Protein backbone atom coordinates (compact mmCIF):
# COMPACT_ATOMS: atom_id res chain seq x y z
CA MET A 1 7.60 -47.03 10.61
CA VAL A 2 4.93 -47.31 7.88
CA GLU A 3 2.23 -46.84 10.52
CA ILE A 4 3.92 -43.68 11.82
CA ILE A 5 4.11 -42.24 8.29
CA GLN A 6 0.45 -43.03 7.66
CA LYS A 7 -0.57 -41.38 10.93
CA SER A 8 1.53 -38.33 10.09
CA ARG A 9 -0.12 -38.05 6.67
CA SER A 10 -3.56 -38.39 8.22
CA PHE A 11 -2.75 -35.69 10.77
CA ILE A 12 -1.37 -33.33 8.11
CA SER A 13 -4.41 -33.95 5.91
CA PHE A 14 -6.75 -33.29 8.83
CA ARG A 15 -4.97 -30.07 9.82
CA THR A 16 -4.91 -28.89 6.20
CA LYS A 17 -8.67 -29.42 5.85
CA GLN A 18 -9.20 -27.62 9.16
CA LEU A 19 -7.08 -24.71 7.98
CA ILE A 20 -8.79 -24.42 4.59
CA SER A 21 -12.26 -24.60 6.19
CA ASN A 22 -11.38 -21.64 8.44
CA SER A 23 -13.24 -18.55 7.11
CA PHE A 24 -10.31 -16.23 7.88
CA VAL A 25 -7.93 -18.41 5.85
CA GLN A 26 -10.48 -18.71 3.03
CA ASN A 27 -10.78 -14.93 2.80
CA VAL A 28 -7.00 -14.55 2.75
CA ILE A 29 -6.82 -17.10 -0.08
CA ILE A 30 -9.53 -15.28 -2.07
CA VAL A 31 -7.82 -11.89 -1.78
CA ALA A 32 -4.35 -13.37 -2.24
CA SER A 33 -5.38 -15.28 -5.37
CA GLY A 34 -6.79 -12.12 -6.98
CA THR A 35 -3.68 -10.18 -6.02
CA ALA A 36 -1.46 -13.01 -7.26
CA ILE A 37 -3.12 -13.19 -10.67
CA ALA A 38 -2.99 -9.40 -11.03
CA GLU A 39 0.70 -9.34 -10.14
CA VAL A 40 1.47 -12.26 -12.47
CA VAL A 41 -0.17 -10.26 -15.27
CA LYS A 42 2.00 -7.23 -14.41
CA LEU A 43 5.14 -9.36 -14.13
CA ALA A 44 4.46 -11.13 -17.44
CA ALA A 45 3.93 -7.79 -19.18
CA ALA A 46 6.92 -6.05 -17.57
CA PRO A 47 9.73 -7.49 -19.79
CA VAL A 48 7.79 -6.40 -22.90
CA ILE A 49 6.94 -2.97 -21.50
CA THR A 50 10.47 -2.23 -20.24
CA ARG A 51 11.91 -3.01 -23.67
CA LEU A 52 9.24 -0.93 -25.47
CA TYR A 53 9.54 2.21 -23.36
CA GLY A 54 13.01 2.23 -21.79
CA PRO A 55 14.05 3.79 -18.45
CA GLU A 56 13.26 7.50 -19.00
CA PRO A 57 9.46 7.30 -19.60
CA PHE A 58 9.18 4.97 -16.61
CA GLY A 59 11.10 7.46 -14.51
CA ILE A 60 8.69 10.27 -15.44
CA LEU A 61 5.68 8.05 -14.63
CA SER A 62 7.25 7.16 -11.27
CA THR A 63 7.89 10.82 -10.47
CA PHE A 64 4.26 11.68 -11.28
CA SER A 65 3.08 8.73 -9.17
CA ALA A 66 5.31 9.86 -6.28
CA PHE A 67 3.48 13.20 -6.13
CA VAL A 68 0.11 11.44 -6.24
CA PHE A 69 0.99 8.90 -3.54
CA MET A 70 2.38 11.60 -1.26
CA LEU A 71 -0.83 13.63 -1.46
CA ALA A 72 -3.27 10.68 -1.48
CA PRO A 73 -3.45 10.25 2.34
CA LEU A 74 -4.68 13.85 2.68
CA THR A 75 -7.64 13.59 0.31
CA ALA A 76 -10.24 11.70 2.37
CA LEU A 77 -8.54 12.41 5.72
CA SER A 78 -8.21 8.62 6.26
CA TYR A 79 -11.94 8.22 6.90
CA PRO A 80 -12.18 5.26 4.47
CA ILE A 81 -10.07 3.18 6.88
CA SER A 82 -12.69 3.71 9.60
CA ILE A 83 -15.53 2.23 7.50
CA ILE A 84 -14.89 -1.29 8.83
CA LEU A 85 -15.13 -0.31 12.51
CA PRO A 86 -18.82 0.61 13.21
CA LYS A 87 -21.22 -2.18 14.16
CA ASP A 88 -24.08 -0.39 12.41
CA ASP A 89 -24.15 -0.25 8.57
CA SER A 90 -25.90 3.14 8.47
CA GLU A 91 -23.06 4.63 10.53
CA ALA A 92 -20.50 3.02 8.20
CA LEU A 93 -22.31 4.49 5.18
CA GLY A 94 -22.20 7.86 6.88
CA LEU A 95 -18.40 7.46 6.98
CA VAL A 96 -18.47 6.67 3.26
CA GLY A 97 -20.27 9.98 2.68
CA ILE A 98 -17.80 11.83 4.91
CA SER A 99 -14.94 10.27 2.94
CA PHE A 100 -16.28 11.64 -0.35
CA ILE A 101 -17.07 15.10 1.09
CA SER A 102 -13.58 15.37 2.60
CA SER A 103 -12.00 14.26 -0.65
CA LEU A 104 -13.83 16.83 -2.79
CA PHE A 105 -12.87 19.63 -0.42
CA VAL A 106 -9.19 18.68 -0.08
CA VAL A 107 -8.69 17.89 -3.78
CA SER A 108 -10.18 21.28 -4.70
CA LEU A 109 -7.57 22.97 -2.51
CA ILE A 110 -4.77 20.88 -4.07
CA ALA A 111 -6.01 21.69 -7.58
CA ALA A 112 -6.06 25.43 -6.78
CA PHE A 113 -2.51 25.22 -5.42
CA LEU A 114 -1.23 23.39 -8.51
CA ILE A 115 -2.88 25.90 -10.86
CA ILE A 116 -1.36 28.86 -9.01
CA GLY A 117 2.02 27.49 -7.92
CA GLY A 118 2.60 24.31 -9.92
CA ASN A 119 5.28 25.79 -12.18
CA HIS A 120 7.18 27.22 -9.21
CA LEU A 121 7.08 23.80 -7.53
CA VAL A 122 8.48 22.08 -10.62
CA VAL A 123 11.33 24.61 -10.84
CA LEU A 124 12.06 24.37 -7.11
CA LEU A 125 12.33 20.57 -7.24
CA ASN A 126 14.17 20.60 -10.58
CA ILE A 127 11.81 18.09 -12.23
CA PRO A 128 10.52 19.85 -15.38
CA GLU A 129 9.51 16.51 -16.95
CA ILE A 130 6.18 16.41 -15.06
CA ARG A 131 5.05 20.00 -15.73
CA SER A 132 2.61 18.88 -18.45
CA PHE A 133 0.96 16.33 -16.16
CA LEU A 134 0.24 18.44 -13.07
CA ILE A 135 -3.41 18.90 -14.06
CA LEU A 136 -3.94 15.14 -13.89
CA ILE A 137 -2.89 14.91 -10.23
CA PRO A 138 -6.29 16.04 -8.78
CA ILE A 139 -8.14 13.59 -11.07
CA MET A 140 -5.89 10.76 -9.94
CA LEU A 141 -6.41 11.71 -6.28
CA LEU A 142 -10.21 11.52 -6.65
CA THR A 143 -9.94 8.09 -8.25
CA ILE A 144 -7.78 6.87 -5.36
CA THR A 145 -10.47 7.94 -2.88
CA GLY A 146 -13.09 6.04 -4.88
CA LEU A 147 -10.92 2.93 -5.01
CA GLU A 148 -10.04 2.99 -1.31
CA THR A 149 -13.58 3.72 -0.12
CA GLY A 150 -15.10 1.04 -2.34
CA ARG A 151 -12.55 -1.55 -1.23
CA GLN A 152 -13.13 -0.83 2.46
CA TRP A 153 -16.90 -1.23 2.03
CA LEU A 154 -16.44 -4.54 0.24
CA PHE A 155 -14.07 -5.71 2.98
CA ARG A 156 -16.66 -4.71 5.59
CA THR A 157 -19.39 -6.66 3.80
CA LYS A 158 -16.95 -9.55 3.22
CA HIS A 159 -17.23 -9.44 -0.59
CA PHE A 160 -13.54 -10.23 -0.97
CA ASN A 161 -14.10 -12.06 -4.27
CA ILE A 162 -15.28 -8.86 -5.98
CA THR A 163 -12.13 -6.95 -5.06
CA SER A 164 -10.06 -9.85 -6.41
CA ARG A 165 -11.87 -9.87 -9.75
CA PHE A 166 -11.54 -6.11 -10.12
CA MET A 167 -7.81 -6.23 -9.37
CA VAL A 168 -7.25 -8.83 -12.10
CA ALA A 169 -9.40 -6.92 -14.61
CA GLN A 170 -7.58 -3.66 -13.88
CA ALA A 171 -4.16 -5.28 -14.33
CA LEU A 172 -5.21 -6.83 -17.65
CA LEU A 173 -6.76 -3.63 -19.00
CA LEU A 174 -3.87 -1.36 -18.02
CA ASN A 175 -0.98 -3.58 -19.10
CA LEU A 176 -2.53 -4.65 -22.40
CA SER A 177 -3.28 -0.99 -23.19
CA ILE A 178 0.29 0.03 -22.36
CA ILE A 179 1.70 -2.70 -24.63
CA ILE A 180 -0.66 -1.94 -27.54
CA PHE A 181 -0.07 1.82 -27.43
CA GLY A 182 3.65 1.21 -26.83
CA PHE A 183 4.02 -0.05 -30.41
CA ILE A 184 2.42 3.20 -31.61
CA TYR A 185 3.55 5.92 -29.21
CA ALA A 186 5.97 4.71 -26.51
CA ASN A 187 6.54 7.72 -24.26
CA SER A 188 5.72 9.03 -20.79
CA SER A 189 2.43 10.63 -21.90
CA THR A 190 1.07 7.24 -22.91
CA LEU A 191 2.05 5.65 -19.60
CA ILE A 192 0.56 8.43 -17.46
CA PHE A 193 -2.72 8.91 -19.37
CA LEU A 194 -3.44 5.19 -19.47
CA THR A 195 -2.68 4.83 -15.76
CA VAL A 196 -5.08 7.65 -14.85
CA LEU A 197 -7.79 6.31 -17.16
CA ALA A 198 -7.61 2.75 -15.81
CA ASN A 199 -7.80 3.96 -12.22
CA PHE A 200 -10.76 6.22 -13.04
CA ILE A 201 -12.73 3.36 -14.61
CA PHE A 202 -12.24 1.02 -11.68
CA ALA A 203 -12.88 3.71 -9.08
CA PHE A 204 -16.32 4.17 -10.67
CA LEU A 205 -16.93 0.40 -10.57
CA PHE A 206 -15.96 0.22 -6.89
CA ILE A 207 -18.31 3.09 -6.02
CA VAL A 208 -21.15 1.25 -7.78
CA GLN A 209 -20.51 -1.72 -5.46
CA ILE A 210 -21.11 0.46 -2.38
CA ARG A 211 -24.64 1.18 -3.58
CA LYS A 212 -25.19 -2.45 -4.59
CA TYR A 213 -24.22 -3.89 -1.18
CA SER A 214 -25.61 -1.17 1.09
CA GLY A 215 -28.76 -3.10 2.01
CA GLY A 216 -31.00 -0.42 0.53
CA LEU A 217 -29.45 2.34 2.66
CA SER A 218 -28.29 5.60 1.08
CA ILE A 219 -24.67 6.72 1.28
CA PHE A 220 -26.02 9.90 2.85
CA GLU A 221 -28.42 8.10 5.19
CA LEU A 222 -27.31 10.58 7.85
CA ARG A 223 -28.36 13.65 5.85
CA ASN A 224 -28.44 15.98 8.81
CA PRO A 225 -25.15 17.94 8.79
CA ILE A 226 -25.09 17.87 12.60
CA HIS A 227 -25.25 14.07 12.57
CA LEU A 228 -22.49 13.91 9.97
CA PHE A 229 -20.37 16.29 12.03
CA LYS A 230 -20.90 14.19 15.17
CA LEU A 231 -20.00 11.05 13.28
CA ALA A 232 -16.85 12.68 11.89
CA THR A 233 -15.80 13.80 15.38
CA ASN A 234 -16.44 10.30 16.79
CA TYR A 235 -13.68 9.08 14.51
CA TYR A 236 -11.46 12.13 14.99
CA ASP A 237 -8.32 10.04 15.49
CA PHE A 238 -8.25 9.13 11.78
CA PRO A 239 -7.89 12.72 10.45
CA ILE A 240 -5.94 13.90 13.50
CA PHE A 241 -3.47 11.02 13.87
CA ARG A 242 -3.75 8.57 10.98
CA THR A 243 -3.79 11.15 8.17
CA PRO A 244 -0.55 12.91 9.16
CA GLN A 245 1.00 9.50 9.91
CA ARG A 246 0.11 8.21 6.44
CA PHE A 247 1.20 11.45 4.80
CA ILE A 248 4.56 11.37 6.54
CA ASN A 249 4.95 7.68 5.69
CA THR A 250 4.23 8.14 1.99
CA THR A 251 6.41 11.25 1.91
CA SER A 252 9.34 9.39 3.43
CA GLN A 253 8.87 6.44 1.07
CA ASN A 254 8.69 8.68 -2.00
CA LEU A 255 11.57 10.94 -1.02
CA PRO A 256 14.10 8.78 -2.89
CA VAL A 257 12.02 9.15 -6.06
CA LEU A 258 11.90 12.95 -5.87
CA MET A 259 15.54 13.29 -4.84
CA LEU A 260 16.74 10.86 -7.51
CA ALA A 261 14.68 12.77 -10.08
CA SER A 262 16.12 16.09 -8.92
CA PHE A 263 19.79 15.06 -8.71
CA PHE A 264 20.19 12.16 -11.15
CA GLY A 265 17.27 12.44 -13.57
CA PRO A 266 14.37 10.14 -14.54
CA GLY A 267 16.66 7.21 -15.44
CA ALA A 268 17.74 6.73 -11.82
CA VAL A 269 14.09 7.00 -10.73
CA ALA A 270 13.20 4.21 -13.16
CA PHE A 271 15.86 1.89 -11.70
CA TYR A 272 14.67 2.52 -8.15
CA SER A 273 11.00 2.14 -9.08
CA LEU A 274 11.46 -1.12 -10.97
CA GLY A 275 13.60 -2.57 -8.17
CA ARG A 276 10.98 -1.68 -5.60
CA LYS A 277 8.10 -2.84 -7.82
CA VAL A 278 9.59 -6.33 -8.08
CA LEU A 279 10.35 -6.49 -4.36
CA VAL A 280 6.86 -5.51 -3.26
CA LEU A 281 5.48 -8.53 -5.12
CA PRO A 282 5.55 -10.70 -1.95
CA SER A 283 3.77 -7.87 -0.12
CA MET A 284 1.18 -7.58 -2.89
CA LEU A 285 0.70 -11.33 -3.22
CA ILE A 286 0.55 -12.17 0.48
CA GLY A 287 1.05 -9.16 2.76
CA ASP A 288 -1.68 -6.94 1.31
CA ALA A 289 -4.20 -9.76 1.08
CA LEU A 290 -3.48 -10.89 4.61
CA SER A 291 -3.59 -7.41 6.14
CA LYS A 292 -6.89 -6.56 4.40
CA VAL A 293 -8.49 -9.67 5.87
CA PHE A 294 -6.54 -9.42 9.13
CA TYR A 295 -7.86 -5.92 9.90
CA PRO A 296 -11.55 -6.90 10.18
CA HIS A 297 -10.49 -10.18 11.85
CA ILE A 298 -8.42 -8.50 14.56
CA THR A 299 -11.21 -5.92 15.03
CA GLU A 300 -13.67 -8.72 15.79
CA VAL A 301 -11.20 -10.38 18.18
CA ALA A 302 -10.78 -7.09 20.07
CA ARG A 303 -14.56 -6.48 20.20
CA GLU A 304 -14.94 -9.86 21.91
CA ASN A 305 -12.26 -8.88 24.46
CA LYS A 306 -9.97 -11.70 23.35
CA SER A 307 -6.18 -11.67 23.11
CA VAL A 308 -4.79 -10.20 19.89
CA THR A 309 -1.20 -11.21 20.67
CA ASN A 310 -1.49 -14.80 19.47
CA SER A 311 -2.88 -13.70 16.11
CA LEU A 312 -0.11 -11.12 15.74
CA ILE A 313 2.68 -13.59 16.57
CA LYS A 314 1.39 -16.40 14.35
CA THR A 315 0.76 -14.13 11.37
CA THR A 316 4.10 -12.30 11.64
CA ALA A 317 6.02 -15.59 12.01
CA ALA A 318 4.28 -17.01 8.94
CA LEU A 319 5.25 -13.94 6.91
CA ALA A 320 8.86 -14.18 8.14
CA LEU A 321 9.14 -17.73 6.75
CA LEU A 322 7.35 -16.94 3.50
CA GLY A 323 9.53 -13.90 2.77
CA ILE A 324 12.97 -15.45 3.27
CA ILE A 325 13.29 -17.05 -0.18
CA PRO A 326 12.05 -14.28 -2.54
CA PHE A 327 13.89 -11.47 -0.75
CA GLY A 328 17.02 -13.62 -0.29
CA ILE A 329 17.20 -14.43 -4.01
CA VAL A 330 17.19 -10.71 -4.89
CA VAL A 331 19.93 -9.96 -2.33
CA VAL A 332 22.20 -12.63 -3.88
CA PHE A 333 21.36 -12.46 -7.60
CA GLY A 334 19.80 -9.00 -8.06
CA PRO A 335 21.84 -7.34 -10.89
CA PRO A 336 22.22 -10.29 -13.30
CA LEU A 337 18.63 -11.36 -12.66
CA PHE A 338 17.22 -7.94 -13.58
CA GLY A 339 19.44 -7.74 -16.67
CA LEU A 340 18.21 -11.14 -17.86
CA VAL A 341 14.50 -10.51 -17.26
CA PHE A 342 14.09 -6.81 -18.14
CA GLY A 343 16.95 -6.16 -20.54
CA SER A 344 20.57 -5.03 -20.23
CA GLU A 345 19.50 -1.41 -19.61
CA TRP A 346 18.03 -2.46 -16.24
CA VAL A 347 21.04 -4.09 -14.50
CA LYS A 348 21.39 -1.02 -12.26
CA ALA A 349 17.82 -1.61 -11.05
CA GLY A 350 18.99 -5.00 -9.75
CA GLU A 351 21.77 -3.30 -7.80
CA TYR A 352 19.24 -1.00 -6.16
CA ALA A 353 16.93 -3.96 -5.49
CA ARG A 354 19.69 -5.88 -3.69
CA TRP A 355 19.73 -3.25 -0.93
CA LEU A 356 16.05 -2.40 -1.00
CA ALA A 357 15.31 -6.07 -0.24
CA ILE A 358 16.63 -5.66 3.32
CA TRP A 359 14.18 -2.85 4.11
CA LEU A 360 11.21 -4.32 2.27
CA TYR A 361 11.56 -7.71 3.96
CA PHE A 362 10.89 -6.14 7.36
CA ALA A 363 8.18 -3.91 5.85
CA PHE A 364 6.60 -7.17 4.65
CA LEU A 365 6.69 -8.53 8.22
CA ASN A 366 5.05 -5.49 9.83
CA ARG A 367 1.70 -5.79 7.96
CA PRO A 368 -0.22 -7.46 10.82
CA CYS A 369 1.15 -4.97 13.35
CA VAL A 370 0.14 -1.96 11.21
CA ALA A 371 -3.34 -3.46 10.80
CA ALA A 372 -3.60 -3.83 14.60
CA ILE A 373 -2.68 -0.19 15.37
CA PRO A 374 -6.25 1.27 15.19
CA VAL A 375 -7.55 -1.67 17.22
CA LEU A 376 -4.94 -1.11 19.94
CA SER A 377 -5.65 2.67 19.90
CA ILE A 378 -2.01 3.65 19.40
CA GLN A 379 -2.41 5.91 16.38
CA GLY A 380 -0.83 8.77 18.30
CA PHE A 381 2.32 6.68 18.73
CA PHE A 382 2.20 5.73 15.05
CA LEU A 383 2.21 9.41 14.08
CA LEU A 384 5.25 10.07 16.29
CA TYR A 385 6.95 6.99 14.87
CA GLU A 386 6.46 8.26 11.32
CA ILE A 387 7.79 11.73 12.21
CA VAL A 388 10.95 10.24 13.71
CA GLY A 389 11.19 7.84 10.78
CA VAL A 390 11.06 10.52 8.11
CA VAL A 391 13.82 12.49 9.87
CA PHE A 392 16.12 9.46 9.88
CA ARG A 393 15.30 8.66 6.25
CA VAL A 394 16.02 12.24 5.16
CA VAL A 395 19.35 12.13 6.99
CA ALA A 396 20.23 8.81 5.32
CA ILE A 397 19.44 10.16 1.84
CA TYR A 398 21.24 13.44 2.58
CA ILE A 399 24.42 11.58 3.54
CA GLY A 400 24.24 9.43 0.40
CA PHE A 401 23.67 12.32 -1.98
CA PHE A 402 25.69 15.16 -0.47
CA VAL A 403 28.49 13.39 1.42
CA TYR A 404 29.20 10.45 -0.92
CA SER A 405 27.58 11.80 -4.14
CA ASN A 406 26.52 8.24 -4.87
CA ASP A 407 22.98 7.12 -5.56
CA THR A 408 23.63 3.46 -4.59
CA ILE A 409 25.02 4.46 -1.19
CA ALA A 410 21.99 6.69 -0.65
CA ILE A 411 19.65 3.79 -1.38
CA THR A 412 21.67 1.46 0.88
CA LEU A 413 21.55 3.84 3.86
CA PHE A 414 17.84 4.51 3.26
CA SER A 415 17.15 0.76 3.28
CA PHE A 416 19.04 0.05 6.51
CA VAL A 417 17.20 2.87 8.27
CA GLY A 418 13.88 1.53 6.99
CA ALA A 419 14.67 -1.99 8.21
CA GLY A 420 15.56 -0.74 11.70
CA LEU A 421 12.39 1.34 11.96
CA ASN A 422 10.18 -1.59 10.97
CA ILE A 423 11.79 -3.86 13.56
CA MET A 424 11.14 -1.25 16.25
CA LEU A 425 7.48 -0.92 15.20
CA ILE A 426 6.88 -4.68 15.34
CA LEU A 427 8.40 -4.96 18.82
CA TYR A 428 6.40 -2.01 20.16
CA VAL A 429 3.06 -3.35 18.88
CA PHE A 430 3.80 -6.73 20.46
CA ILE A 431 4.55 -5.03 23.79
CA ILE A 432 1.28 -3.03 23.69
CA SER A 433 -0.74 -6.14 22.82
CA LEU A 434 0.80 -7.99 25.78
CA ARG A 435 -0.11 -5.11 28.10
CA ARG A 436 -3.68 -5.28 26.80
CA ASN A 437 -3.76 -9.00 27.58
CA ARG A 438 -2.69 -8.36 31.17
CA VAL A 439 -5.46 -5.76 31.57
CA LEU A 440 -8.07 -8.20 30.21
CA ILE A 441 -6.88 -10.95 32.58
CA HIS A 442 -7.05 -8.53 35.52
CA LEU A 443 -10.61 -7.47 34.59
CA GLU A 444 -11.75 -11.09 34.35
CA LYS A 445 -10.52 -11.70 37.89
């Protein structure tokens, strides 16, 4: 018996060393550790911040952020996501340049629209609280492009440690600033201005990294407009399919924020936003880190004409096991847990979180499949999926608000629809990857 135990320990030790020595696993650990520290900083600061500011300022910040996140996919036309794909660095840098050009053009149009029709939009949506902050939306959109483009270049060049350090630094700077200014001037203006400023600073730092790790090449190495146009058209599926897909996805995910703001005020938005913020921690700690590393990994696997199905199954199964405990705890103990941690004003956020956990668990599982979509060339399907998804989500919210007049029921229906859609997406991607395997086997014969 002792001999069996010793052999088992030796085997486990050997497999652990093998796993840790794997470059893919090492990169996941690097990104996950940076994400984990950043999220621990946010979580540690949250009980102080929630007690300093209260629900209403948080609701206004969340409403402002909802507008930004809805528009963000349009700014660079999803070209930053394509930066990882080219084999040649000069071509990838051309895509960096295209990302910035697209962003400047689109953000200029958005800024013009907000200047001309911003007040009408605020009145139409019945959210007057964000009228004073509309001018900051274009600035925030430009910073998001800088952050996303810089991150994708660092992922391409495998400088995962830099992204991790920046994430931790950003979390520390923003949350400490919010706490310090909260003792002086605890309102929505403080939250929004500090959020924009922190993002602007780190967008600049990420852009600097592109130049630093470009191997001496210029961002506009392809200066000829014809070459840039050809390069942009080579990756046409990102603006044509991925941009609308991402826009529809972010719109559907932020619909509850805008509808809660319109019908129930910023307090309800704060409860929803805090509940979701806590529940996306597993995604931020593990899912985001894994998908960022998994995307270049699965791209390399596909380039070598190897099977992507095994990687998808193993990674999804690992996430399923990892997510059971954190999401399960919120389902069972949500309301009292939120009241204890964040203050008695936030018990309702725990009630929202209890139902949101069902949706976000399956959203946590679908990270590898979403990362594999460009590789499997099914972005057209993904766009259709998002269109259908947003229709079902709107119907769910409509029933909750207008049939039951109950915000909790609306959130519950929204969450069940979201869970079902994510399950369908995972199954479809698995089916497509299996079909690809059969084609590869047939070609080898």
